[in-house]
């Protein structure tokens, strides 16, 4: 469910891109000022550590300087930049041995409609305001295993498909789906959704 108002979908003047491709440092500075916060926030969500996110931010814009000649303007610049930031985040996690090569699950589980279930649990069971739900959700996401947090953020916030996530992680689509299922079950339990409620929903 990628949001239409994604900070990576900000418009940028074509002339800025052209100047940056010619090596104009002032143009690169403008790109950094406009997109550094979205890149850092994405890296922080994926890496779950400020120091790693700062390294990802730096590496991402170094790669922009090195590779912007290859940007063809066929997609929004922010989407191209986001791909670099995601790849850098995953590389940083692997470098720091925070992203396991494999996570085993007891069985495949149905992951359809779990988002709706979790949302109902947050609003019906907890009875708290939306900002409190958001705060609790952010904290819970931060406490999830790295692979779970990455899959849930890329799929439900950034709008990546399971196939795209699988390619990024070097795994199968079923791997991505199983991680998402387990992650949402954890979130559902956090918001007070019982096993009976899950059975009624299934």
N, C-alpha and C. Protein backbone atom coordinates (compact mmCIF):
# COMPACT_ATOMS: atom_id res chain seq x y z
N UNK A 1 0.83 -1.18 0.00
CA UNK A 1 0.00 0.00 0.00
C UNK A 1 0.87 1.25 0.00
N UNK A 2 1.57 1.45 -1.06
CA UNK A 2 2.47 2.60 -1.15
C UNK A 2 1.67 3.89 -1.14
N UNK A 3 2.09 4.82 -0.32
CA UNK A 3 1.36 6.07 -0.16
C UNK A 3 1.63 7.00 -1.33
N UNK A 4 0.58 7.67 -1.81
CA UNK A 4 0.72 8.59 -2.93
C UNK A 4 1.56 9.80 -2.56
N UNK A 5 1.57 10.15 -1.27
CA UNK A 5 2.34 11.31 -0.84
C UNK A 5 3.72 10.90 -0.32
N UNK A 6 4.27 9.83 -0.85
CA UNK A 6 5.59 9.37 -0.44
C UNK A 6 6.60 10.49 -0.64
N UNK A 7 7.48 10.71 0.35
CA UNK A 7 8.48 11.77 0.20
C UNK A 7 9.43 11.52 -0.96
N UNK A 8 9.50 10.29 -1.42
CA UNK A 8 10.34 9.99 -2.58
C UNK A 8 9.69 10.38 -3.90
N UNK A 9 8.42 10.77 -3.84
CA UNK A 9 7.71 11.17 -5.05
C UNK A 9 7.65 12.68 -5.20
N UNK A 10 8.48 13.38 -4.44
CA UNK A 10 8.56 14.82 -4.61
C UNK A 10 9.02 15.16 -6.03
N UNK A 11 8.49 16.22 -6.55
CA UNK A 11 8.92 16.65 -7.88
C UNK A 11 10.26 17.37 -7.78
N UNK A 12 11.07 17.21 -8.79
CA UNK A 12 12.37 17.87 -8.85
C UNK A 12 12.54 18.44 -10.25
N UNK A 13 13.03 19.64 -10.34
CA UNK A 13 13.17 20.28 -11.64
C UNK A 13 14.13 19.48 -12.53
N UNK A 14 13.72 19.19 -13.77
CA UNK A 14 14.60 18.44 -14.69
C UNK A 14 15.97 19.09 -14.86
N UNK A 15 16.01 20.42 -14.78
CA UNK A 15 17.28 21.11 -14.96
C UNK A 15 18.26 20.77 -13.85
N UNK A 16 17.73 20.48 -12.65
CA UNK A 16 18.60 20.11 -11.54
C UNK A 16 19.26 18.76 -11.83
N UNK A 17 18.47 17.83 -12.35
CA UNK A 17 19.01 16.52 -12.71
C UNK A 17 20.07 16.67 -13.79
N UNK A 18 19.76 17.47 -14.80
CA UNK A 18 20.70 17.68 -15.91
C UNK A 18 22.01 18.27 -15.41
N UNK A 19 21.91 19.25 -14.55
CA UNK A 19 23.11 19.88 -14.01
C UNK A 19 23.92 18.91 -13.16
N UNK A 20 23.19 18.10 -12.38
CA UNK A 20 23.88 17.10 -11.55
C UNK A 20 24.61 16.09 -12.41
N UNK A 21 24.00 15.71 -13.53
CA UNK A 21 24.65 14.76 -14.44
C UNK A 21 25.90 15.35 -15.09
N UNK A 22 25.96 16.66 -15.13
CA UNK A 22 27.13 17.34 -15.67
C UNK A 22 28.19 17.59 -14.60
N UNK A 23 27.91 17.17 -13.37
CA UNK A 23 28.87 17.32 -12.29
C UNK A 23 28.74 18.60 -11.49
N UNK A 24 27.62 19.28 -11.63
CA UNK A 24 27.39 20.53 -10.89
C UNK A 24 27.14 20.20 -9.42
N UNK A 25 28.08 20.57 -8.55
CA UNK A 25 27.96 20.25 -7.13
C UNK A 25 26.80 20.96 -6.45
N UNK A 26 26.45 22.15 -6.94
CA UNK A 26 25.32 22.86 -6.35
C UNK A 26 24.01 22.12 -6.62
N UNK A 27 23.93 21.44 -7.76
CA UNK A 27 22.75 20.64 -8.09
C UNK A 27 22.69 19.41 -7.17
N UNK A 28 23.84 18.78 -6.94
CA UNK A 28 23.88 17.64 -6.03
C UNK A 28 23.51 18.07 -4.61
N UNK A 29 23.93 19.26 -4.23
CA UNK A 29 23.58 19.78 -2.92
C UNK A 29 22.07 19.96 -2.80
N UNK A 30 21.44 20.44 -3.87
CA UNK A 30 19.99 20.62 -3.87
C UNK A 30 19.28 19.27 -3.74
N UNK A 31 19.78 18.25 -4.44
CA UNK A 31 19.20 16.92 -4.33
C UNK A 31 19.34 16.39 -2.91
N UNK A 32 20.48 16.62 -2.32
CA UNK A 32 20.71 16.16 -0.95
C UNK A 32 19.76 16.85 0.02
N UNK A 33 19.63 18.15 -0.10
CA UNK A 33 18.75 18.90 0.80
C UNK A 33 17.31 18.43 0.68
N UNK A 34 16.88 18.13 -0.53
CA UNK A 34 15.49 17.75 -0.76
C UNK A 34 15.20 16.31 -0.34
N UNK A 35 16.18 15.41 -0.50
CA UNK A 35 15.89 14.00 -0.29
C UNK A 35 16.65 13.35 0.86
N UNK A 36 17.48 14.10 1.56
CA UNK A 36 18.27 13.47 2.63
C UNK A 36 17.39 12.95 3.76
N UNK A 37 16.36 13.69 4.12
CA UNK A 37 15.48 13.24 5.21
C UNK A 37 14.73 11.96 4.85
N UNK A 38 14.10 11.86 3.66
CA UNK A 38 13.46 10.59 3.30
C UNK A 38 14.43 9.42 3.27
N UNK A 39 15.64 9.64 2.75
CA UNK A 39 16.63 8.56 2.69
C UNK A 39 17.02 8.12 4.10
N UNK A 40 17.28 9.09 4.97
CA UNK A 40 17.67 8.74 6.34
C UNK A 40 16.54 8.01 7.06
N UNK A 41 15.31 8.49 6.92
CA UNK A 41 14.18 7.85 7.59
C UNK A 41 13.97 6.42 7.09
N UNK A 42 14.11 6.21 5.80
CA UNK A 42 13.99 4.86 5.24
C UNK A 42 15.09 3.97 5.79
N UNK A 43 16.32 4.47 5.78
CA UNK A 43 17.45 3.68 6.28
C UNK A 43 17.28 3.37 7.76
N UNK A 44 16.75 4.32 8.51
CA UNK A 44 16.55 4.10 9.94
C UNK A 44 15.51 3.02 10.18
N UNK A 45 14.43 3.03 9.38
CA UNK A 45 13.39 2.01 9.52
C UNK A 45 13.96 0.62 9.19
N UNK A 46 14.80 0.54 8.17
CA UNK A 46 15.33 -0.75 7.75
C UNK A 46 16.47 -1.23 8.65
N UNK A 47 17.35 -0.32 9.01
CA UNK A 47 18.53 -0.71 9.80
C UNK A 47 18.28 -0.68 11.30
N UNK A 48 17.33 0.15 11.73
CA UNK A 48 16.94 0.23 13.14
C UNK A 48 18.08 0.69 14.03
N UNK A 49 19.00 1.46 13.46
CA UNK A 49 20.12 1.98 14.24
C UNK A 49 20.59 3.27 13.60
N UNK A 50 20.65 4.34 14.38
CA UNK A 50 20.94 5.66 13.85
C UNK A 50 22.29 5.71 13.15
N UNK A 51 23.32 5.09 13.75
CA UNK A 51 24.66 5.14 13.17
C UNK A 51 24.69 4.47 11.80
N UNK A 52 24.01 3.33 11.67
CA UNK A 52 23.96 2.64 10.38
C UNK A 52 23.19 3.47 9.36
N UNK A 53 22.10 4.09 9.80
CA UNK A 53 21.30 4.92 8.90
C UNK A 53 22.11 6.10 8.37
N UNK A 54 22.94 6.68 9.24
CA UNK A 54 23.78 7.79 8.81
C UNK A 54 24.79 7.34 7.75
N UNK A 55 25.35 6.13 7.94
CA UNK A 55 26.28 5.59 6.95
C UNK A 55 25.57 5.32 5.62
N UNK A 56 24.34 4.80 5.72
CA UNK A 56 23.56 4.54 4.50
C UNK A 56 23.28 5.85 3.77
N UNK A 57 22.93 6.89 4.51
CA UNK A 57 22.67 8.19 3.91
C UNK A 57 23.89 8.67 3.13
N UNK A 58 25.05 8.60 3.75
CA UNK A 58 26.26 9.04 3.08
C UNK A 58 26.56 8.20 1.85
N UNK A 59 26.49 6.88 2.01
CA UNK A 59 26.80 5.99 0.88
C UNK A 59 25.83 6.16 -0.27
N UNK A 60 24.56 6.41 0.07
CA UNK A 60 23.54 6.57 -0.97
C UNK A 60 23.86 7.77 -1.86
N UNK A 61 24.19 8.90 -1.26
CA UNK A 61 24.44 10.08 -2.08
C UNK A 61 25.82 10.05 -2.75
N UNK A 62 26.74 9.29 -2.20
CA UNK A 62 28.00 9.04 -2.93
C UNK A 62 27.71 8.25 -4.21
N UNK A 63 26.82 7.27 -4.07
CA UNK A 63 26.43 6.48 -5.25
C UNK A 63 25.63 7.31 -6.25
N UNK A 64 24.88 8.27 -5.76
CA UNK A 64 24.15 9.17 -6.67
C UNK A 64 25.16 9.96 -7.51
N UNK A 65 26.18 10.49 -6.86
CA UNK A 65 27.20 11.25 -7.58
C UNK A 65 27.87 10.37 -8.63
N UNK A 66 28.17 9.13 -8.25
CA UNK A 66 28.87 8.23 -9.16
C UNK A 66 27.98 7.71 -10.29
N UNK A 67 26.69 7.54 -9.99
CA UNK A 67 25.83 6.84 -10.96
C UNK A 67 24.73 7.65 -11.60
N UNK A 68 24.66 8.95 -11.33
CA UNK A 68 23.53 9.72 -11.86
C UNK A 68 23.57 9.82 -13.38
N UNK A 69 24.76 9.62 -13.97
CA UNK A 69 24.84 9.61 -15.44
C UNK A 69 23.96 8.51 -16.03
N UNK A 70 23.74 7.45 -15.25
CA UNK A 70 22.94 6.33 -15.74
C UNK A 70 21.46 6.51 -15.51
N UNK A 71 21.06 7.58 -14.84
CA UNK A 71 19.63 7.84 -14.61
C UNK A 71 19.00 8.33 -15.91
N UNK A 72 17.99 7.59 -16.37
CA UNK A 72 17.39 7.85 -17.68
C UNK A 72 16.11 8.68 -17.64
N UNK A 73 15.68 9.08 -16.45
CA UNK A 73 14.44 9.88 -16.30
C UNK A 73 13.19 9.13 -16.74
N UNK A 74 13.27 7.81 -16.85
CA UNK A 74 12.09 7.04 -17.22
C UNK A 74 11.16 6.82 -16.02
N UNK A 75 11.71 7.00 -14.84
CA UNK A 75 10.93 6.94 -13.60
C UNK A 75 11.28 8.17 -12.78
N UNK A 76 10.45 8.54 -11.79
CA UNK A 76 10.79 9.69 -10.96
C UNK A 76 12.15 9.51 -10.30
N UNK A 77 12.89 10.60 -10.18
CA UNK A 77 14.21 10.53 -9.58
C UNK A 77 14.16 9.92 -8.18
N UNK A 78 13.13 10.30 -7.41
CA UNK A 78 13.02 9.80 -6.04
C UNK A 78 12.90 8.29 -5.97
N UNK A 79 12.22 7.67 -6.94
CA UNK A 79 12.08 6.23 -6.95
C UNK A 79 13.42 5.55 -7.25
N UNK A 80 14.19 6.17 -8.15
CA UNK A 80 15.54 5.67 -8.45
C UNK A 80 16.42 5.80 -7.22
N UNK A 81 16.32 6.92 -6.53
CA UNK A 81 17.09 7.16 -5.33
C UNK A 81 16.69 6.18 -4.23
N UNK A 82 15.41 5.93 -4.11
CA UNK A 82 14.92 5.01 -3.08
C UNK A 82 15.51 3.61 -3.27
N UNK A 83 15.60 3.18 -4.51
CA UNK A 83 16.17 1.86 -4.79
C UNK A 83 17.61 1.78 -4.31
N UNK A 84 18.37 2.86 -4.55
CA UNK A 84 19.76 2.90 -4.08
C UNK A 84 19.80 2.83 -2.56
N UNK A 85 18.93 3.58 -1.90
CA UNK A 85 18.90 3.62 -0.44
C UNK A 85 18.54 2.26 0.15
N UNK A 86 17.58 1.57 -0.46
CA UNK A 86 17.20 0.25 0.02
C UNK A 86 18.36 -0.72 -0.13
N UNK A 87 19.01 -0.72 -1.29
CA UNK A 87 20.15 -1.61 -1.52
C UNK A 87 21.28 -1.32 -0.54
N UNK A 88 21.54 -0.04 -0.30
CA UNK A 88 22.59 0.33 0.64
C UNK A 88 22.25 -0.12 2.06
N UNK A 89 20.97 -0.01 2.43
CA UNK A 89 20.54 -0.44 3.76
C UNK A 89 20.75 -1.94 3.94
N UNK A 90 20.37 -2.72 2.94
CA UNK A 90 20.54 -4.17 3.04
C UNK A 90 22.01 -4.55 3.06
N UNK A 91 22.82 -3.86 2.26
CA UNK A 91 24.26 -4.11 2.27
C UNK A 91 24.85 -3.79 3.64
N UNK A 92 24.39 -2.71 4.25
CA UNK A 92 24.89 -2.31 5.56
C UNK A 92 24.52 -3.35 6.61
N UNK A 93 23.30 -3.89 6.53
CA UNK A 93 22.88 -4.91 7.48
C UNK A 93 23.70 -6.18 7.31
N UNK A 94 23.95 -6.56 6.06
CA UNK A 94 24.76 -7.76 5.82
C UNK A 94 26.19 -7.55 6.31
N UNK A 95 26.72 -6.37 6.06
CA UNK A 95 28.08 -6.05 6.49
C UNK A 95 28.22 -6.15 8.00
N UNK A 96 27.18 -5.74 8.71
CA UNK A 96 27.21 -5.77 10.16
C UNK A 96 26.59 -7.04 10.73
N UNK A 97 26.35 -8.00 9.83
CA UNK A 97 25.82 -9.31 10.23
C UNK A 97 24.53 -9.20 11.01
N UNK A 98 23.69 -8.23 10.62
CA UNK A 98 22.39 -8.04 11.26
C UNK A 98 21.25 -8.60 10.42
N UNK A 99 21.57 -9.05 9.21
CA UNK A 99 20.55 -9.64 8.35
C UNK A 99 20.91 -11.10 8.14
N UNK A 100 20.17 -12.02 8.77
CA UNK A 100 20.51 -13.45 8.66
C UNK A 100 20.32 -13.94 7.24
N UNK A 101 21.13 -14.93 6.87
CA UNK A 101 21.04 -15.49 5.53
C UNK A 101 19.76 -16.29 5.35
N UNK A 102 19.26 -16.87 6.43
CA UNK A 102 18.07 -17.71 6.31
C UNK A 102 17.32 -17.73 7.62
N UNK A 103 16.01 -17.68 7.54
CA UNK A 103 15.16 -17.81 8.72
C UNK A 103 14.17 -18.94 8.46
N UNK A 104 14.16 -19.93 9.31
CA UNK A 104 13.30 -21.09 9.10
C UNK A 104 11.96 -20.88 9.80
N UNK A 105 10.90 -21.38 9.20
CA UNK A 105 9.57 -21.30 9.79
C UNK A 105 8.98 -22.71 9.86
N UNK A 106 8.14 -22.90 10.86
CA UNK A 106 7.53 -24.21 11.04
C UNK A 106 6.61 -24.56 9.88
N UNK A 107 5.89 -23.59 9.37
CA UNK A 107 4.96 -23.85 8.28
C UNK A 107 4.59 -22.55 7.60
N UNK A 108 4.10 -22.66 6.38
CA UNK A 108 3.60 -21.49 5.67
C UNK A 108 2.24 -21.13 6.25
N UNK A 109 1.95 -19.83 6.36
CA UNK A 109 0.69 -19.41 6.95
C UNK A 109 0.02 -18.38 6.06
N UNK A 110 -1.29 -18.38 6.12
CA UNK A 110 -2.06 -17.43 5.32
C UNK A 110 -1.82 -16.02 5.83
N UNK A 111 -1.44 -15.11 4.94
CA UNK A 111 -1.15 -13.74 5.36
C UNK A 111 -2.18 -12.75 4.86
N UNK A 112 -3.20 -13.21 4.12
CA UNK A 112 -4.22 -12.30 3.60
C UNK A 112 -5.05 -11.72 4.74
N UNK A 113 -5.40 -10.45 4.61
CA UNK A 113 -6.29 -9.76 5.54
C UNK A 113 -5.71 -9.57 6.93
N UNK A 114 -4.43 -9.84 7.12
CA UNK A 114 -3.87 -9.68 8.46
C UNK A 114 -3.73 -8.22 8.81
N UNK A 115 -3.51 -7.38 7.81
CA UNK A 115 -3.41 -5.96 8.06
C UNK A 115 -4.73 -5.44 8.62
N UNK A 116 -5.82 -5.84 7.99
CA UNK A 116 -7.14 -5.41 8.46
C UNK A 116 -7.37 -5.91 9.87
N UNK A 117 -6.97 -7.14 10.14
CA UNK A 117 -7.14 -7.73 11.46
C UNK A 117 -6.36 -6.94 12.50
N UNK A 118 -5.11 -6.63 12.17
CA UNK A 118 -4.28 -5.87 13.10
C UNK A 118 -4.84 -4.49 13.36
N UNK A 119 -5.39 -3.85 12.32
CA UNK A 119 -5.97 -2.52 12.48
C UNK A 119 -7.17 -2.57 13.40
N UNK A 120 -8.02 -3.59 13.24
CA UNK A 120 -9.18 -3.73 14.11
C UNK A 120 -8.75 -3.94 15.55
N UNK A 121 -7.70 -4.72 15.74
CA UNK A 121 -7.21 -4.96 17.09
C UNK A 121 -6.74 -3.68 17.73
N UNK A 122 -6.09 -2.83 16.94
CA UNK A 122 -5.57 -1.58 17.49
C UNK A 122 -6.69 -0.64 17.87
N UNK A 123 -7.77 -0.60 17.07
CA UNK A 123 -8.83 0.37 17.32
C UNK A 123 -9.88 -0.17 18.29
N UNK A 124 -10.19 -1.47 18.20
CA UNK A 124 -11.26 -2.02 19.02
C UNK A 124 -10.76 -2.47 20.39
N UNK A 125 -9.61 -3.16 20.41
CA UNK A 125 -9.15 -3.72 21.66
C UNK A 125 -8.43 -2.70 22.53
N UNK A 126 -7.63 -1.86 21.90
CA UNK A 126 -6.84 -0.92 22.68
C UNK A 126 -7.64 0.32 23.04
N UNK A 127 -8.51 0.78 22.13
CA UNK A 127 -9.32 1.95 22.39
C UNK A 127 -8.49 3.20 22.62
N UNK A 128 -7.44 3.39 21.86
CA UNK A 128 -6.58 4.56 22.02
C UNK A 128 -6.59 5.38 20.75
N UNK A 129 -6.08 6.62 20.85
CA UNK A 129 -6.10 7.52 19.72
C UNK A 129 -5.12 7.06 18.64
N UNK A 130 -5.34 7.59 17.44
CA UNK A 130 -4.54 7.15 16.29
C UNK A 130 -3.06 7.40 16.52
N UNK A 131 -2.72 8.54 17.11
CA UNK A 131 -1.30 8.83 17.29
C UNK A 131 -0.67 7.88 18.29
N UNK A 132 -1.46 7.40 19.26
CA UNK A 132 -0.95 6.43 20.21
C UNK A 132 -0.74 5.08 19.54
N UNK A 133 -1.67 4.72 18.64
CA UNK A 133 -1.52 3.49 17.86
C UNK A 133 -0.25 3.56 17.04
N UNK A 134 -0.04 4.72 16.38
CA UNK A 134 1.14 4.89 15.55
C UNK A 134 2.42 4.75 16.38
N UNK A 135 2.41 5.36 17.56
CA UNK A 135 3.58 5.30 18.43
C UNK A 135 3.88 3.87 18.85
N UNK A 136 2.83 3.14 19.22
CA UNK A 136 3.00 1.75 19.62
C UNK A 136 3.47 0.90 18.46
N UNK A 137 2.91 1.17 17.28
CA UNK A 137 3.29 0.42 16.09
C UNK A 137 4.75 0.64 15.74
N UNK A 138 5.20 1.91 15.82
CA UNK A 138 6.59 2.23 15.52
C UNK A 138 7.52 1.48 16.48
N UNK A 139 7.17 1.49 17.76
CA UNK A 139 7.99 0.82 18.76
C UNK A 139 8.03 -0.68 18.51
N UNK A 140 6.88 -1.25 18.18
CA UNK A 140 6.80 -2.69 17.94
C UNK A 140 7.59 -3.09 16.71
N UNK A 141 7.48 -2.29 15.66
CA UNK A 141 8.25 -2.57 14.45
C UNK A 141 9.74 -2.58 14.76
N UNK A 142 10.18 -1.64 15.59
CA UNK A 142 11.60 -1.55 15.92
C UNK A 142 12.08 -2.78 16.68
N UNK A 143 11.15 -3.46 17.37
CA UNK A 143 11.53 -4.61 18.16
C UNK A 143 11.44 -5.92 17.38
N UNK A 144 10.91 -5.87 16.17
CA UNK A 144 10.83 -7.08 15.34
C UNK A 144 12.21 -7.50 14.87
N UNK A 145 12.40 -8.78 14.55
CA UNK A 145 13.66 -9.21 13.93
C UNK A 145 13.91 -8.42 12.65
N UNK A 146 15.17 -8.25 12.30
CA UNK A 146 15.52 -7.40 11.15
C UNK A 146 14.78 -7.82 9.88
N UNK A 147 14.79 -9.12 9.57
CA UNK A 147 14.16 -9.57 8.34
C UNK A 147 12.67 -9.25 8.33
N UNK A 148 12.00 -9.43 9.47
CA UNK A 148 10.57 -9.15 9.56
C UNK A 148 10.30 -7.67 9.35
N UNK A 149 11.07 -6.84 10.03
CA UNK A 149 10.88 -5.38 9.91
C UNK A 149 11.11 -4.91 8.48
N UNK A 150 12.13 -5.45 7.82
CA UNK A 150 12.44 -5.05 6.45
C UNK A 150 11.31 -5.42 5.50
N UNK A 151 10.83 -6.66 5.60
CA UNK A 151 9.77 -7.11 4.70
C UNK A 151 8.49 -6.31 4.91
N UNK A 152 8.10 -6.12 6.16
CA UNK A 152 6.85 -5.42 6.43
C UNK A 152 6.92 -3.96 5.98
N UNK A 153 8.09 -3.33 6.14
CA UNK A 153 8.23 -1.92 5.73
C UNK A 153 8.25 -1.80 4.22
N UNK A 154 9.01 -2.64 3.56
CA UNK A 154 9.09 -2.56 2.10
C UNK A 154 7.76 -2.89 1.45
N UNK A 155 7.06 -3.88 1.99
CA UNK A 155 5.80 -4.32 1.37
C UNK A 155 4.66 -3.36 1.65
N UNK A 156 4.47 -2.99 2.91
CA UNK A 156 3.26 -2.26 3.28
C UNK A 156 3.42 -0.75 3.30
N UNK A 157 4.64 -0.26 3.37
CA UNK A 157 4.85 1.19 3.37
C UNK A 157 5.43 1.66 2.04
N UNK A 158 6.46 0.98 1.57
CA UNK A 158 7.10 1.41 0.33
C UNK A 158 6.45 0.83 -0.92
N UNK A 159 5.58 -0.16 -0.75
CA UNK A 159 4.82 -0.67 -1.88
C UNK A 159 5.55 -1.68 -2.75
N UNK A 160 6.62 -2.28 -2.25
CA UNK A 160 7.32 -3.31 -3.02
C UNK A 160 6.46 -4.56 -3.12
N UNK A 161 6.59 -5.29 -4.21
CA UNK A 161 5.90 -6.57 -4.34
C UNK A 161 6.72 -7.65 -3.66
N UNK A 162 6.08 -8.80 -3.40
CA UNK A 162 6.82 -9.91 -2.80
C UNK A 162 7.96 -10.36 -3.72
N UNK A 163 7.71 -10.31 -5.02
CA UNK A 163 8.75 -10.70 -5.97
C UNK A 163 9.96 -9.77 -5.87
N UNK A 164 9.70 -8.47 -5.78
CA UNK A 164 10.79 -7.49 -5.66
C UNK A 164 11.56 -7.68 -4.36
N UNK A 165 10.82 -7.92 -3.27
CA UNK A 165 11.48 -8.13 -1.98
C UNK A 165 12.32 -9.39 -2.02
N UNK A 166 11.77 -10.45 -2.62
CA UNK A 166 12.50 -11.71 -2.72
C UNK A 166 13.81 -11.52 -3.48
N UNK A 167 13.76 -10.74 -4.55
CA UNK A 167 14.97 -10.49 -5.33
C UNK A 167 15.99 -9.71 -4.53
N UNK A 168 15.53 -8.73 -3.73
CA UNK A 168 16.44 -7.94 -2.90
C UNK A 168 17.12 -8.80 -1.85
N UNK A 169 16.36 -9.73 -1.27
CA UNK A 169 16.89 -10.58 -0.21
C UNK A 169 17.54 -11.85 -0.74
N UNK A 170 17.40 -12.09 -2.04
CA UNK A 170 17.96 -13.31 -2.61
C UNK A 170 17.20 -14.55 -2.17
N UNK A 171 15.90 -14.40 -1.95
CA UNK A 171 15.06 -15.51 -1.49
C UNK A 171 13.89 -15.70 -2.44
N UNK A 172 12.97 -16.62 -2.07
CA UNK A 172 11.79 -16.87 -2.87
C UNK A 172 10.65 -15.97 -2.42
N UNK A 173 9.61 -15.88 -3.26
CA UNK A 173 8.43 -15.10 -2.86
C UNK A 173 7.78 -15.70 -1.62
N UNK A 174 7.75 -17.03 -1.52
CA UNK A 174 7.12 -17.66 -0.36
C UNK A 174 7.86 -17.29 0.92
N UNK A 175 9.17 -17.09 0.82
CA UNK A 175 9.95 -16.64 1.97
C UNK A 175 9.47 -15.28 2.44
N UNK A 176 9.31 -14.35 1.48
CA UNK A 176 8.83 -13.01 1.81
C UNK A 176 7.44 -13.07 2.43
N UNK A 177 6.57 -13.88 1.84
CA UNK A 177 5.20 -13.98 2.34
C UNK A 177 5.15 -14.58 3.74
N UNK A 178 5.99 -15.58 4.00
CA UNK A 178 5.97 -16.22 5.31
C UNK A 178 6.48 -15.28 6.39
N UNK A 179 7.50 -14.48 6.06
CA UNK A 179 8.00 -13.50 7.01
C UNK A 179 6.93 -12.46 7.31
N UNK A 180 6.25 -12.00 6.25
CA UNK A 180 5.19 -11.00 6.45
C UNK A 180 4.09 -11.55 7.33
N UNK A 181 3.72 -12.81 7.12
CA UNK A 181 2.68 -13.43 7.92
C UNK A 181 3.05 -13.46 9.39
N UNK A 182 4.26 -13.92 9.67
CA UNK A 182 4.70 -14.01 11.06
C UNK A 182 4.81 -12.62 11.68
N UNK A 183 5.29 -11.64 10.91
CA UNK A 183 5.44 -10.28 11.43
C UNK A 183 4.09 -9.70 11.82
N UNK A 184 3.09 -9.88 10.96
CA UNK A 184 1.77 -9.33 11.26
C UNK A 184 1.09 -10.07 12.41
N UNK A 185 1.37 -11.34 12.55
CA UNK A 185 0.81 -12.06 13.69
C UNK A 185 1.39 -11.50 14.99
N UNK A 186 2.67 -11.16 14.96
CA UNK A 186 3.28 -10.55 16.14
C UNK A 186 2.64 -9.20 16.44
N UNK A 187 2.44 -8.39 15.39
CA UNK A 187 1.81 -7.09 15.57
C UNK A 187 0.37 -7.24 16.06
N UNK A 188 -0.34 -8.23 15.53
CA UNK A 188 -1.73 -8.45 15.94
C UNK A 188 -1.81 -8.79 17.42
N UNK A 189 -0.88 -9.64 17.88
CA UNK A 189 -0.87 -10.00 19.30
C UNK A 189 -0.55 -8.78 20.16
N UNK A 190 0.32 -7.92 19.65
CA UNK A 190 0.67 -6.70 20.38
C UNK A 190 -0.55 -5.82 20.59
N UNK A 191 -1.44 -5.78 19.58
CA UNK A 191 -2.61 -4.91 19.66
C UNK A 191 -3.83 -5.64 20.20
N UNK A 192 -3.61 -6.82 20.80
CA UNK A 192 -4.68 -7.47 21.54
C UNK A 192 -5.61 -8.33 20.70
N UNK A 193 -5.18 -8.76 19.51
CA UNK A 193 -6.01 -9.64 18.70
C UNK A 193 -5.77 -11.07 19.16
N UNK A 194 -6.81 -11.75 19.58
CA UNK A 194 -6.67 -13.09 20.12
C UNK A 194 -6.71 -14.14 19.02
N UNK A 195 -6.28 -15.36 19.36
CA UNK A 195 -6.32 -16.45 18.39
C UNK A 195 -7.76 -16.71 17.94
N UNK A 196 -8.73 -16.53 18.88
CA UNK A 196 -10.13 -16.75 18.49
C UNK A 196 -10.57 -15.75 17.46
N UNK A 197 -10.11 -14.50 17.60
CA UNK A 197 -10.48 -13.47 16.62
C UNK A 197 -9.87 -13.79 15.28
N UNK A 198 -8.65 -14.32 15.30
CA UNK A 198 -8.01 -14.68 14.04
C UNK A 198 -8.76 -15.81 13.35
N UNK A 199 -9.23 -16.79 14.16
CA UNK A 199 -9.96 -17.91 13.59
C UNK A 199 -11.27 -17.44 12.97
N UNK A 200 -11.96 -16.52 13.67
CA UNK A 200 -13.22 -16.01 13.14
C UNK A 200 -13.00 -15.27 11.85
N UNK A 201 -11.84 -14.61 11.72
CA UNK A 201 -11.55 -13.81 10.54
C UNK A 201 -11.17 -14.68 9.35
N UNK A 202 -10.57 -15.85 9.65
CA UNK A 202 -10.06 -16.72 8.58
C UNK A 202 -11.18 -17.51 7.95
